[in-house]
mmCIF file of all heavy atoms, coordinates in Angstrom:
data_MODEL
# 
_entry.id   MODEL 
# 
loop_
_atom_site.group_PDB 
_atom_site.id 
_atom_site.type_symbol 
_atom_site.label_atom_id 
_atom_site.label_alt_id 
_atom_site.label_comp_id 
_atom_site.label_asym_id 
_atom_site.label_entity_id 
_atom_site.label_seq_id 
_atom_site.pdbx_PDB_ins_code 
_atom_site.Cartn_x 
_atom_site.Cartn_y 
_atom_site.Cartn_z 
_atom_site.occupancy 
_atom_site.B_iso_or_equiv 
_atom_site.pdbx_formal_charge 
_atom_site.auth_seq_id 
_atom_site.auth_comp_id 
_atom_site.auth_asym_id 
_atom_site.auth_atom_id 
_atom_site.pdbx_PDB_model_num 
ATOM 1   N N   . MET A 1 1  ? 35.705 124.951 108.492 1.00 0.00 ? 1  MET A N   1 
ATOM 2   C CA  . MET A 1 1  ? 34.726 125.258 109.512 1.00 0.00 ? 1  MET A CA  1 
ATOM 3   C C   . MET A 1 1  ? 35.056 126.321 110.513 1.00 0.00 ? 1  MET A C   1 
ATOM 4   O O   . MET A 1 1  ? 36.238 126.677 110.658 1.00 0.00 ? 1  MET A O   1 
ATOM 5   C CB  . MET A 1 1  ? 34.441 123.937 110.303 1.00 0.00 ? 1  MET A CB  1 
ATOM 6   C CG  . MET A 1 1  ? 33.841 122.824 109.427 1.00 0.00 ? 1  MET A CG  1 
ATOM 7   S SD  . MET A 1 1  ? 32.270 123.313 108.741 1.00 0.00 ? 1  MET A SD  1 
ATOM 8   C CE  . MET A 1 1  ? 31.213 123.391 110.198 1.00 0.00 ? 1  MET A CE  1 
ATOM 9   N N   . PHE A 1 2  ? 34.029 126.902 111.100 1.00 0.00 ? 2  PHE A N   1 
ATOM 10  C CA  . PHE A 1 2  ? 34.152 128.022 112.092 1.00 0.00 ? 2  PHE A CA  1 
ATOM 11  C C   . PHE A 1 2  ? 34.219 127.381 113.496 1.00 0.00 ? 2  PHE A C   1 
ATOM 12  O O   . PHE A 1 2  ? 33.318 126.646 113.843 1.00 0.00 ? 2  PHE A O   1 
ATOM 13  C CB  . PHE A 1 2  ? 33.050 129.020 111.976 1.00 0.00 ? 2  PHE A CB  1 
ATOM 14  C CG  . PHE A 1 2  ? 33.075 130.150 112.981 1.00 0.00 ? 2  PHE A CG  1 
ATOM 15  C CD1 . PHE A 1 2  ? 34.234 130.973 113.041 1.00 0.00 ? 2  PHE A CD1 1 
ATOM 16  C CD2 . PHE A 1 2  ? 32.068 130.343 113.843 1.00 0.00 ? 2  PHE A CD2 1 
ATOM 17  C CE1 . PHE A 1 2  ? 34.280 132.009 114.017 1.00 0.00 ? 2  PHE A CE1 1 
ATOM 18  C CE2 . PHE A 1 2  ? 32.129 131.407 114.761 1.00 0.00 ? 2  PHE A CE2 1 
ATOM 19  C CZ  . PHE A 1 2  ? 33.208 132.241 114.812 1.00 0.00 ? 2  PHE A CZ  1 
ATOM 20  N N   . PHE A 1 3  ? 35.252 127.760 114.259 1.00 0.00 ? 3  PHE A N   1 
ATOM 21  C CA  . PHE A 1 3  ? 35.427 127.176 115.588 1.00 0.00 ? 3  PHE A CA  1 
ATOM 22  C C   . PHE A 1 3  ? 35.206 128.247 116.697 1.00 0.00 ? 3  PHE A C   1 
ATOM 23  O O   . PHE A 1 3  ? 35.619 127.970 117.831 1.00 0.00 ? 3  PHE A O   1 
ATOM 24  C CB  . PHE A 1 3  ? 36.812 126.588 115.694 1.00 0.00 ? 3  PHE A CB  1 
ATOM 25  C CG  . PHE A 1 3  ? 37.106 125.335 114.913 1.00 0.00 ? 3  PHE A CG  1 
ATOM 26  C CD1 . PHE A 1 3  ? 37.386 125.375 113.548 1.00 0.00 ? 3  PHE A CD1 1 
ATOM 27  C CD2 . PHE A 1 3  ? 36.961 124.092 115.538 1.00 0.00 ? 3  PHE A CD2 1 
ATOM 28  C CE1 . PHE A 1 3  ? 37.573 124.183 112.835 1.00 0.00 ? 3  PHE A CE1 1 
ATOM 29  C CE2 . PHE A 1 3  ? 37.153 122.883 114.830 1.00 0.00 ? 3  PHE A CE2 1 
ATOM 30  C CZ  . PHE A 1 3  ? 37.465 122.978 113.455 1.00 0.00 ? 3  PHE A CZ  1 
ATOM 31  N N   . GLY A 1 4  ? 34.622 129.338 116.419 1.00 0.00 ? 4  GLY A N   1 
ATOM 32  C CA  . GLY A 1 4  ? 34.427 130.357 117.350 1.00 0.00 ? 4  GLY A CA  1 
ATOM 33  C C   . GLY A 1 4  ? 35.668 131.276 117.650 1.00 0.00 ? 4  GLY A C   1 
ATOM 34  O O   . GLY A 1 4  ? 36.757 130.920 117.236 1.00 0.00 ? 4  GLY A O   1 
ATOM 35  N N   . ASN A 1 5  ? 35.453 132.324 118.398 1.00 0.00 ? 5  ASN A N   1 
ATOM 36  C CA  . ASN A 1 5  ? 36.499 133.302 118.698 1.00 0.00 ? 5  ASN A CA  1 
ATOM 37  C C   . ASN A 1 5  ? 37.318 133.726 117.467 1.00 0.00 ? 5  ASN A C   1 
ATOM 38  O O   . ASN A 1 5  ? 38.515 133.884 117.555 1.00 0.00 ? 5  ASN A O   1 
ATOM 39  C CB  . ASN A 1 5  ? 37.413 132.743 119.790 1.00 0.00 ? 5  ASN A CB  1 
ATOM 40  C CG  . ASN A 1 5  ? 36.779 132.782 121.091 1.00 0.00 ? 5  ASN A CG  1 
ATOM 41  O OD1 . ASN A 1 5  ? 36.455 133.787 121.697 1.00 0.00 ? 5  ASN A OD1 1 
ATOM 42  N ND2 . ASN A 1 5  ? 36.467 131.562 121.721 1.00 0.00 ? 5  ASN A ND2 1 
ATOM 43  N N   . GLY A 1 6  ? 36.640 133.877 116.324 1.00 0.00 ? 6  GLY A N   1 
ATOM 44  C CA  . GLY A 1 6  ? 37.270 134.363 115.175 1.00 0.00 ? 6  GLY A CA  1 
ATOM 45  C C   . GLY A 1 6  ? 38.118 133.373 114.397 1.00 0.00 ? 6  GLY A C   1 
ATOM 46  O O   . GLY A 1 6  ? 38.757 133.779 113.404 1.00 0.00 ? 6  GLY A O   1 
ATOM 47  N N   . ALA A 1 7  ? 38.082 132.084 114.812 1.00 0.00 ? 7  ALA A N   1 
ATOM 48  C CA  . ALA A 1 7  ? 38.967 131.098 114.156 1.00 0.00 ? 7  ALA A CA  1 
ATOM 49  C C   . ALA A 1 7  ? 38.195 130.277 113.089 1.00 0.00 ? 7  ALA A C   1 
ATOM 50  O O   . ALA A 1 7  ? 37.214 129.611 113.461 1.00 0.00 ? 7  ALA A O   1 
ATOM 51  C CB  . ALA A 1 7  ? 39.570 130.154 115.270 1.00 0.00 ? 7  ALA A CB  1 
ATOM 52  N N   . TYR A 1 8  ? 38.651 130.360 111.871 1.00 0.00 ? 8  TYR A N   1 
ATOM 53  C CA  . TYR A 1 8  ? 38.057 129.597 110.830 1.00 0.00 ? 8  TYR A CA  1 
ATOM 54  C C   . TYR A 1 8  ? 39.151 128.496 110.377 1.00 0.00 ? 8  TYR A C   1 
ATOM 55  O O   . TYR A 1 8  ? 40.258 128.838 110.091 1.00 0.00 ? 8  TYR A O   1 
ATOM 56  C CB  . TYR A 1 8  ? 37.725 130.429 109.562 1.00 0.00 ? 8  TYR A CB  1 
ATOM 57  C CG  . TYR A 1 8  ? 36.577 131.301 109.718 1.00 0.00 ? 8  TYR A CG  1 
ATOM 58  C CD1 . TYR A 1 8  ? 36.622 132.558 110.437 1.00 0.00 ? 8  TYR A CD1 1 
ATOM 59  C CD2 . TYR A 1 8  ? 35.291 130.945 109.265 1.00 0.00 ? 8  TYR A CD2 1 
ATOM 60  C CE1 . TYR A 1 8  ? 35.492 133.316 110.522 1.00 0.00 ? 8  TYR A CE1 1 
ATOM 61  C CE2 . TYR A 1 8  ? 34.187 131.692 109.448 1.00 0.00 ? 8  TYR A CE2 1 
ATOM 62  C CZ  . TYR A 1 8  ? 34.268 132.895 110.071 1.00 0.00 ? 8  TYR A CZ  1 
ATOM 63  O OH  . TYR A 1 8  ? 33.180 133.733 110.262 1.00 0.00 ? 8  TYR A OH  1 
ATOM 64  N N   . GLY A 1 9  ? 38.730 127.305 110.425 1.00 0.00 ? 9  GLY A N   1 
ATOM 65  C CA  . GLY A 1 9  ? 39.685 126.177 110.123 1.00 0.00 ? 9  GLY A CA  1 
ATOM 66  C C   . GLY A 1 9  ? 40.394 125.689 111.360 1.00 0.00 ? 9  GLY A C   1 
ATOM 67  O O   . GLY A 1 9  ? 40.670 126.416 112.325 1.00 0.00 ? 9  GLY A O   1 
ATOM 68  N N   . ILE A 1 10 ? 40.801 124.420 111.280 1.00 0.00 ? 10 ILE A N   1 
ATOM 69  C CA  . ILE A 1 10 ? 41.458 123.732 112.389 1.00 0.00 ? 10 ILE A CA  1 
ATOM 70  C C   . ILE A 1 10 ? 42.786 124.367 112.810 1.00 0.00 ? 10 ILE A C   1 
ATOM 71  O O   . ILE A 1 10 ? 43.166 124.379 114.001 1.00 0.00 ? 10 ILE A O   1 
ATOM 72  C CB  . ILE A 1 10 ? 41.586 122.238 112.132 1.00 0.00 ? 10 ILE A CB  1 
ATOM 73  C CG1 . ILE A 1 10 ? 41.939 121.485 113.424 1.00 0.00 ? 10 ILE A CG1 1 
ATOM 74  C CG2 . ILE A 1 10 ? 42.545 121.952 110.975 1.00 0.00 ? 10 ILE A CG2 1 
ATOM 75  C CD1 . ILE A 1 10 ? 40.865 121.395 114.413 1.00 0.00 ? 10 ILE A CD1 1 
ATOM 76  N N   . GLU A 1 11 ? 43.519 124.845 111.808 1.00 0.00 ? 11 GLU A N   1 
ATOM 77  C CA  . GLU A 1 11 ? 44.846 125.434 112.145 1.00 0.00 ? 11 GLU A CA  1 
ATOM 78  C C   . GLU A 1 11 ? 44.643 126.734 112.954 1.00 0.00 ? 11 GLU A C   1 
ATOM 79  O O   . GLU A 1 11 ? 45.361 126.897 114.005 1.00 0.00 ? 11 GLU A O   1 
ATOM 80  C CB  . GLU A 1 11 ? 45.619 125.714 110.881 1.00 0.00 ? 11 GLU A CB  1 
ATOM 81  C CG  . GLU A 1 11 ? 46.958 126.404 111.046 1.00 0.00 ? 11 GLU A CG  1 
ATOM 82  C CD  . GLU A 1 11 ? 48.098 125.403 111.706 1.00 0.00 ? 11 GLU A CD  1 
ATOM 83  O OE1 . GLU A 1 11 ? 47.761 124.195 111.638 1.00 0.00 ? 11 GLU A OE1 1 
ATOM 84  O OE2 . GLU A 1 11 ? 49.069 125.902 112.177 1.00 0.00 ? 11 GLU A OE2 1 
ATOM 85  N N   . ALA A 1 12 ? 43.773 127.619 112.558 1.00 0.00 ? 12 ALA A N   1 
ATOM 86  C CA  . ALA A 1 12 ? 43.473 128.798 113.326 1.00 0.00 ? 12 ALA A CA  1 
ATOM 87  C C   . ALA A 1 12 ? 42.951 128.506 114.692 1.00 0.00 ? 12 ALA A C   1 
ATOM 88  O O   . ALA A 1 12 ? 43.287 129.189 115.673 1.00 0.00 ? 12 ALA A O   1 
ATOM 89  C CB  . ALA A 1 12 ? 42.610 129.788 112.540 1.00 0.00 ? 12 ALA A CB  1 
ATOM 90  N N   . ALA A 1 13 ? 42.107 127.438 114.761 1.00 0.00 ? 13 ALA A N   1 
ATOM 91  C CA  . ALA A 1 13 ? 41.530 127.062 116.035 1.00 0.00 ? 13 ALA A CA  1 
ATOM 92  C C   . ALA A 1 13 ? 42.601 126.560 117.022 1.00 0.00 ? 13 ALA A C   1 
ATOM 93  O O   . ALA A 1 13 ? 42.565 126.900 118.182 1.00 0.00 ? 13 ALA A O   1 
ATOM 94  C CB  . ALA A 1 13 ? 40.445 126.007 115.839 1.00 0.00 ? 13 ALA A CB  1 
ATOM 95  N N   . ALA A 1 14 ? 43.540 125.742 116.505 1.00 0.00 ? 14 ALA A N   1 
ATOM 96  C CA  . ALA A 1 14 ? 44.558 125.189 117.338 1.00 0.00 ? 14 ALA A CA  1 
ATOM 97  C C   . ALA A 1 14 ? 45.413 126.337 117.907 1.00 0.00 ? 14 ALA A C   1 
ATOM 98  O O   . ALA A 1 14 ? 45.836 126.328 119.064 1.00 0.00 ? 14 ALA A O   1 
ATOM 99  C CB  . ALA A 1 14 ? 45.458 124.218 116.566 1.00 0.00 ? 14 ALA A CB  1 
ATOM 100 N N   . GLN A 1 15 ? 45.711 127.345 117.091 1.00 0.00 ? 15 GLN A N   1 
ATOM 101 C CA  . GLN A 1 15 ? 46.507 128.518 117.518 1.00 0.00 ? 15 GLN A CA  1 
ATOM 102 C C   . GLN A 1 15 ? 45.698 129.355 118.483 1.00 0.00 ? 15 GLN A C   1 
ATOM 103 O O   . GLN A 1 15 ? 46.240 129.862 119.471 1.00 0.00 ? 15 GLN A O   1 
ATOM 104 C CB  . GLN A 1 15 ? 46.898 129.363 116.329 1.00 0.00 ? 15 GLN A CB  1 
ATOM 105 C CG  . GLN A 1 15 ? 47.881 128.605 115.309 1.00 0.00 ? 15 GLN A CG  1 
ATOM 106 C CD  . GLN A 1 15 ? 49.267 128.514 115.898 1.00 0.00 ? 15 GLN A CD  1 
ATOM 107 O OE1 . GLN A 1 15 ? 49.620 129.012 116.955 1.00 0.00 ? 15 GLN A OE1 1 
ATOM 108 N NE2 . GLN A 1 15 ? 50.157 127.725 115.220 1.00 0.00 ? 15 GLN A NE2 1 
ATOM 109 N N   . THR A 1 16 ? 44.375 129.526 118.217 1.00 0.00 ? 16 THR A N   1 
ATOM 110 C CA  . THR A 1 16 ? 43.553 130.409 119.017 1.00 0.00 ? 16 THR A CA  1 
ATOM 111 C C   . THR A 1 16 ? 43.377 129.860 120.473 1.00 0.00 ? 16 THR A C   1 
ATOM 112 O O   . THR A 1 16 ? 43.462 130.635 121.407 1.00 0.00 ? 16 THR A O   1 
ATOM 113 C CB  . THR A 1 16 ? 42.197 130.654 118.422 1.00 0.00 ? 16 THR A CB  1 
ATOM 114 O OG1 . THR A 1 16 ? 42.408 131.210 117.116 1.00 0.00 ? 16 THR A OG1 1 
ATOM 115 C CG2 . THR A 1 16 ? 41.316 131.485 119.210 1.00 0.00 ? 16 THR A CG2 1 
ATOM 116 N N   . TYR A 1 17 ? 43.175 128.628 120.585 1.00 0.00 ? 17 TYR A N   1 
ATOM 117 C CA  . TYR A 1 17 ? 42.814 128.010 121.864 1.00 0.00 ? 17 TYR A CA  1 
ATOM 118 C C   . TYR A 1 17 ? 44.004 127.373 122.569 1.00 0.00 ? 17 TYR A C   1 
ATOM 119 O O   . TYR A 1 17 ? 44.065 127.330 123.831 1.00 0.00 ? 17 TYR A O   1 
ATOM 120 C CB  . TYR A 1 17 ? 41.756 126.913 121.739 1.00 0.00 ? 17 TYR A CB  1 
ATOM 121 C CG  . TYR A 1 17 ? 40.436 127.495 121.302 1.00 0.00 ? 17 TYR A CG  1 
ATOM 122 C CD1 . TYR A 1 17 ? 39.994 127.512 119.951 1.00 0.00 ? 17 TYR A CD1 1 
ATOM 123 C CD2 . TYR A 1 17 ? 39.529 128.075 122.179 1.00 0.00 ? 17 TYR A CD2 1 
ATOM 124 C CE1 . TYR A 1 17 ? 38.796 128.002 119.520 1.00 0.00 ? 17 TYR A CE1 1 
ATOM 125 C CE2 . TYR A 1 17 ? 38.310 128.650 121.806 1.00 0.00 ? 17 TYR A CE2 1 
ATOM 126 C CZ  . TYR A 1 17 ? 37.977 128.606 120.488 1.00 0.00 ? 17 TYR A CZ  1 
ATOM 127 O OH  . TYR A 1 17 ? 36.787 129.177 120.093 1.00 0.00 ? 17 TYR A OH  1 
ATOM 128 N N   . TYR A 1 18 ? 44.981 126.911 121.820 1.00 0.00 ? 18 TYR A N   1 
ATOM 129 C CA  . TYR A 1 18 ? 46.113 126.196 122.439 1.00 0.00 ? 18 TYR A CA  1 
ATOM 130 C C   . TYR A 1 18 ? 47.494 126.744 122.104 1.00 0.00 ? 18 TYR A C   1 
ATOM 131 O O   . TYR A 1 18 ? 48.506 126.257 122.661 1.00 0.00 ? 18 TYR A O   1 
ATOM 132 C CB  . TYR A 1 18 ? 46.070 124.734 122.065 1.00 0.00 ? 18 TYR A CB  1 
ATOM 133 C CG  . TYR A 1 18 ? 44.899 124.039 122.644 1.00 0.00 ? 18 TYR A CG  1 
ATOM 134 C CD1 . TYR A 1 18 ? 43.764 123.664 121.793 1.00 0.00 ? 18 TYR A CD1 1 
ATOM 135 C CD2 . TYR A 1 18 ? 44.714 123.755 123.985 1.00 0.00 ? 18 TYR A CD2 1 
ATOM 136 C CE1 . TYR A 1 18 ? 42.616 123.028 122.391 1.00 0.00 ? 18 TYR A CE1 1 
ATOM 137 C CE2 . TYR A 1 18 ? 43.620 123.115 124.482 1.00 0.00 ? 18 TYR A CE2 1 
ATOM 138 C CZ  . TYR A 1 18 ? 42.563 122.717 123.684 1.00 0.00 ? 18 TYR A CZ  1 
ATOM 139 O OH  . TYR A 1 18 ? 41.417 122.143 124.209 1.00 0.00 ? 18 TYR A OH  1 
ATOM 140 N N   . GLY A 1 19 ? 47.560 127.682 121.084 1.00 0.00 ? 19 GLY A N   1 
ATOM 141 C CA  . GLY A 1 19 ? 48.926 128.202 120.731 1.00 0.00 ? 19 GLY A CA  1 
ATOM 142 C C   . GLY A 1 19 ? 49.779 127.159 120.078 1.00 0.00 ? 19 GLY A C   1 
ATOM 143 O O   . GLY A 1 19 ? 51.008 127.261 120.247 1.00 0.00 ? 19 GLY A O   1 
ATOM 144 N N   . LYS A 1 20 ? 49.220 126.190 119.391 1.00 0.00 ? 20 LYS A N   1 
ATOM 145 C CA  . LYS A 1 20 ? 50.006 125.147 118.723 1.00 0.00 ? 20 LYS A CA  1 
ATOM 146 C C   . LYS A 1 20 ? 49.465 124.895 117.326 1.00 0.00 ? 20 LYS A C   1 
ATOM 147 O O   . LYS A 1 20 ? 48.339 125.411 117.026 1.00 0.00 ? 20 LYS A O   1 
ATOM 148 C CB  . LYS A 1 20 ? 50.002 123.870 119.565 1.00 0.00 ? 20 LYS A CB  1 
ATOM 149 C CG  . LYS A 1 20 ? 48.615 123.270 119.804 1.00 0.00 ? 20 LYS A CG  1 
ATOM 150 C CD  . LYS A 1 20 ? 48.730 121.844 120.398 1.00 0.00 ? 20 LYS A CD  1 
ATOM 151 C CE  . LYS A 1 20 ? 49.486 121.790 121.611 1.00 0.00 ? 20 LYS A CE  1 
ATOM 152 N NZ  . LYS A 1 20 ? 49.458 120.428 122.249 1.00 0.00 ? 20 LYS A NZ  1 
ATOM 153 N N   . THR A 1 21 ? 50.097 124.045 116.542 1.00 0.00 ? 21 THR A N   1 
ATOM 154 C CA  . THR A 1 21 ? 49.634 123.784 115.186 1.00 0.00 ? 21 THR A CA  1 
ATOM 155 C C   . THR A 1 21 ? 48.542 122.695 115.287 1.00 0.00 ? 21 THR A C   1 
ATOM 156 O O   . THR A 1 21 ? 48.465 121.918 116.258 1.00 0.00 ? 21 THR A O   1 
ATOM 157 C CB  . THR A 1 21 ? 50.765 123.308 114.327 1.00 0.00 ? 21 THR A CB  1 
ATOM 158 O OG1 . THR A 1 21 ? 51.273 122.069 114.871 1.00 0.00 ? 21 THR A OG1 1 
ATOM 159 C CG2 . THR A 1 21 ? 51.905 124.312 114.272 1.00 0.00 ? 21 THR A CG2 1 
ATOM 160 N N   . ALA A 1 22 ? 47.794 122.545 114.205 1.00 0.00 ? 22 ALA A N   1 
ATOM 161 C CA  . ALA A 1 22 ? 46.753 121.548 114.103 1.00 0.00 ? 22 ALA A CA  1 
ATOM 162 C C   . ALA A 1 22 ? 47.331 120.117 114.224 1.00 0.00 ? 22 ALA A C   1 
ATOM 163 O O   . ALA A 1 22 ? 46.661 119.163 114.711 1.00 0.00 ? 22 ALA A O   1 
ATOM 164 C CB  . ALA A 1 22 ? 45.959 121.754 112.827 1.00 0.00 ? 22 ALA A CB  1 
ATOM 165 N N   . LYS A 1 23 ? 48.559 119.948 113.726 1.00 0.00 ? 23 LYS A N   1 
ATOM 166 C CA  . LYS A 1 23 ? 49.177 118.656 113.681 1.00 0.00 ? 23 LYS A CA  1 
ATOM 167 C C   . LYS A 1 23 ? 49.484 118.170 115.086 1.00 0.00 ? 23 LYS A C   1 
ATOM 168 O O   . LYS A 1 23 ? 49.588 116.936 115.363 1.00 0.00 ? 23 LYS A O   1 
ATOM 169 C CB  . LYS A 1 23 ? 50.444 118.726 112.811 1.00 0.00 ? 23 LYS A CB  1 
ATOM 170 C CG  . LYS A 1 23 ? 51.025 117.342 112.584 1.00 0.00 ? 23 LYS A CG  1 
ATOM 171 C CD  . LYS A 1 23 ? 52.162 117.478 111.491 1.00 0.00 ? 23 LYS A CD  1 
ATOM 172 C CE  . LYS A 1 23 ? 52.667 116.143 111.044 1.00 0.00 ? 23 LYS A CE  1 
ATOM 173 N NZ  . LYS A 1 23 ? 53.671 116.267 109.969 1.00 0.00 ? 23 LYS A NZ  1 
ATOM 174 N N   . MET A 1 24 ? 49.657 119.075 116.015 1.00 0.00 ? 24 MET A N   1 
ATOM 175 C CA  . MET A 1 24 ? 50.110 118.698 117.362 1.00 0.00 ? 24 MET A CA  1 
ATOM 176 C C   . MET A 1 24 ? 48.992 118.538 118.385 1.00 0.00 ? 24 MET A C   1 
ATOM 177 O O   . MET A 1 24 ? 49.240 118.218 119.545 1.00 0.00 ? 24 MET A O   1 
ATOM 178 C CB  . MET A 1 24 ? 51.031 119.817 117.954 1.00 0.00 ? 24 MET A CB  1 
ATOM 179 C CG  . MET A 1 24 ? 52.279 120.013 117.118 1.00 0.00 ? 24 MET A CG  1 
ATOM 180 S SD  . MET A 1 24 ? 53.314 118.527 116.926 1.00 0.00 ? 24 MET A SD  1 
ATOM 181 C CE  . MET A 1 24 ? 53.805 118.249 118.642 1.00 0.00 ? 24 MET A CE  1 
ATOM 182 N N   . LEU A 1 25 ? 47.738 118.611 117.918 1.00 0.00 ? 25 LEU A N   1 
ATOM 183 C CA  . LEU A 1 25 ? 46.583 118.468 118.850 1.00 0.00 ? 25 LEU A CA  1 
ATOM 184 C C   . LEU A 1 25 ? 46.527 117.052 119.430 1.00 0.00 ? 25 LEU A C   1 
ATOM 185 O O   . LEU A 1 25 ? 46.587 116.095 118.609 1.00 0.00 ? 25 LEU A O   1 
ATOM 186 C CB  . LEU A 1 25 ? 45.281 118.833 118.148 1.00 0.00 ? 25 LEU A CB  1 
ATOM 187 C CG  . LEU A 1 25 ? 45.075 120.295 117.718 1.00 0.00 ? 25 LEU A CG  1 
ATOM 188 C CD1 . LEU A 1 25 ? 43.892 120.471 116.781 1.00 0.00 ? 25 LEU A CD1 1 
ATOM 189 C CD2 . LEU A 1 25 ? 44.929 121.173 118.909 1.00 0.00 ? 25 LEU A CD2 1 
ATOM 190 N N   . ASN A 1 26 ? 46.316 116.978 120.714 1.00 0.00 ? 26 ASN A N   1 
ATOM 191 C CA  . ASN A 1 26 ? 46.205 115.617 121.311 1.00 0.00 ? 26 ASN A CA  1 
ATOM 192 C C   . ASN A 1 26 ? 44.748 115.173 121.421 1.00 0.00 ? 26 ASN A C   1 
ATOM 193 O O   . ASN A 1 26 ? 43.899 115.826 120.832 1.00 0.00 ? 26 ASN A O   1 
ATOM 194 C CB  . ASN A 1 26 ? 46.917 115.546 122.673 1.00 0.00 ? 26 ASN A CB  1 
ATOM 195 C CG  . ASN A 1 26 ? 46.267 116.514 123.695 1.00 0.00 ? 26 ASN A CG  1 
ATOM 196 O OD1 . ASN A 1 26 ? 45.103 116.910 123.507 1.00 0.00 ? 26 ASN A OD1 1 
ATOM 197 N ND2 . ASN A 1 26 ? 47.042 116.899 124.723 1.00 0.00 ? 26 ASN A ND2 1 
# 
């Protein structure tokens, strides 16, 4: 999925918005 701001997929989204991996999202 597309998460905005050029990020496709949850891993890119986690890095784009929070600077962390998808596994570390709270």
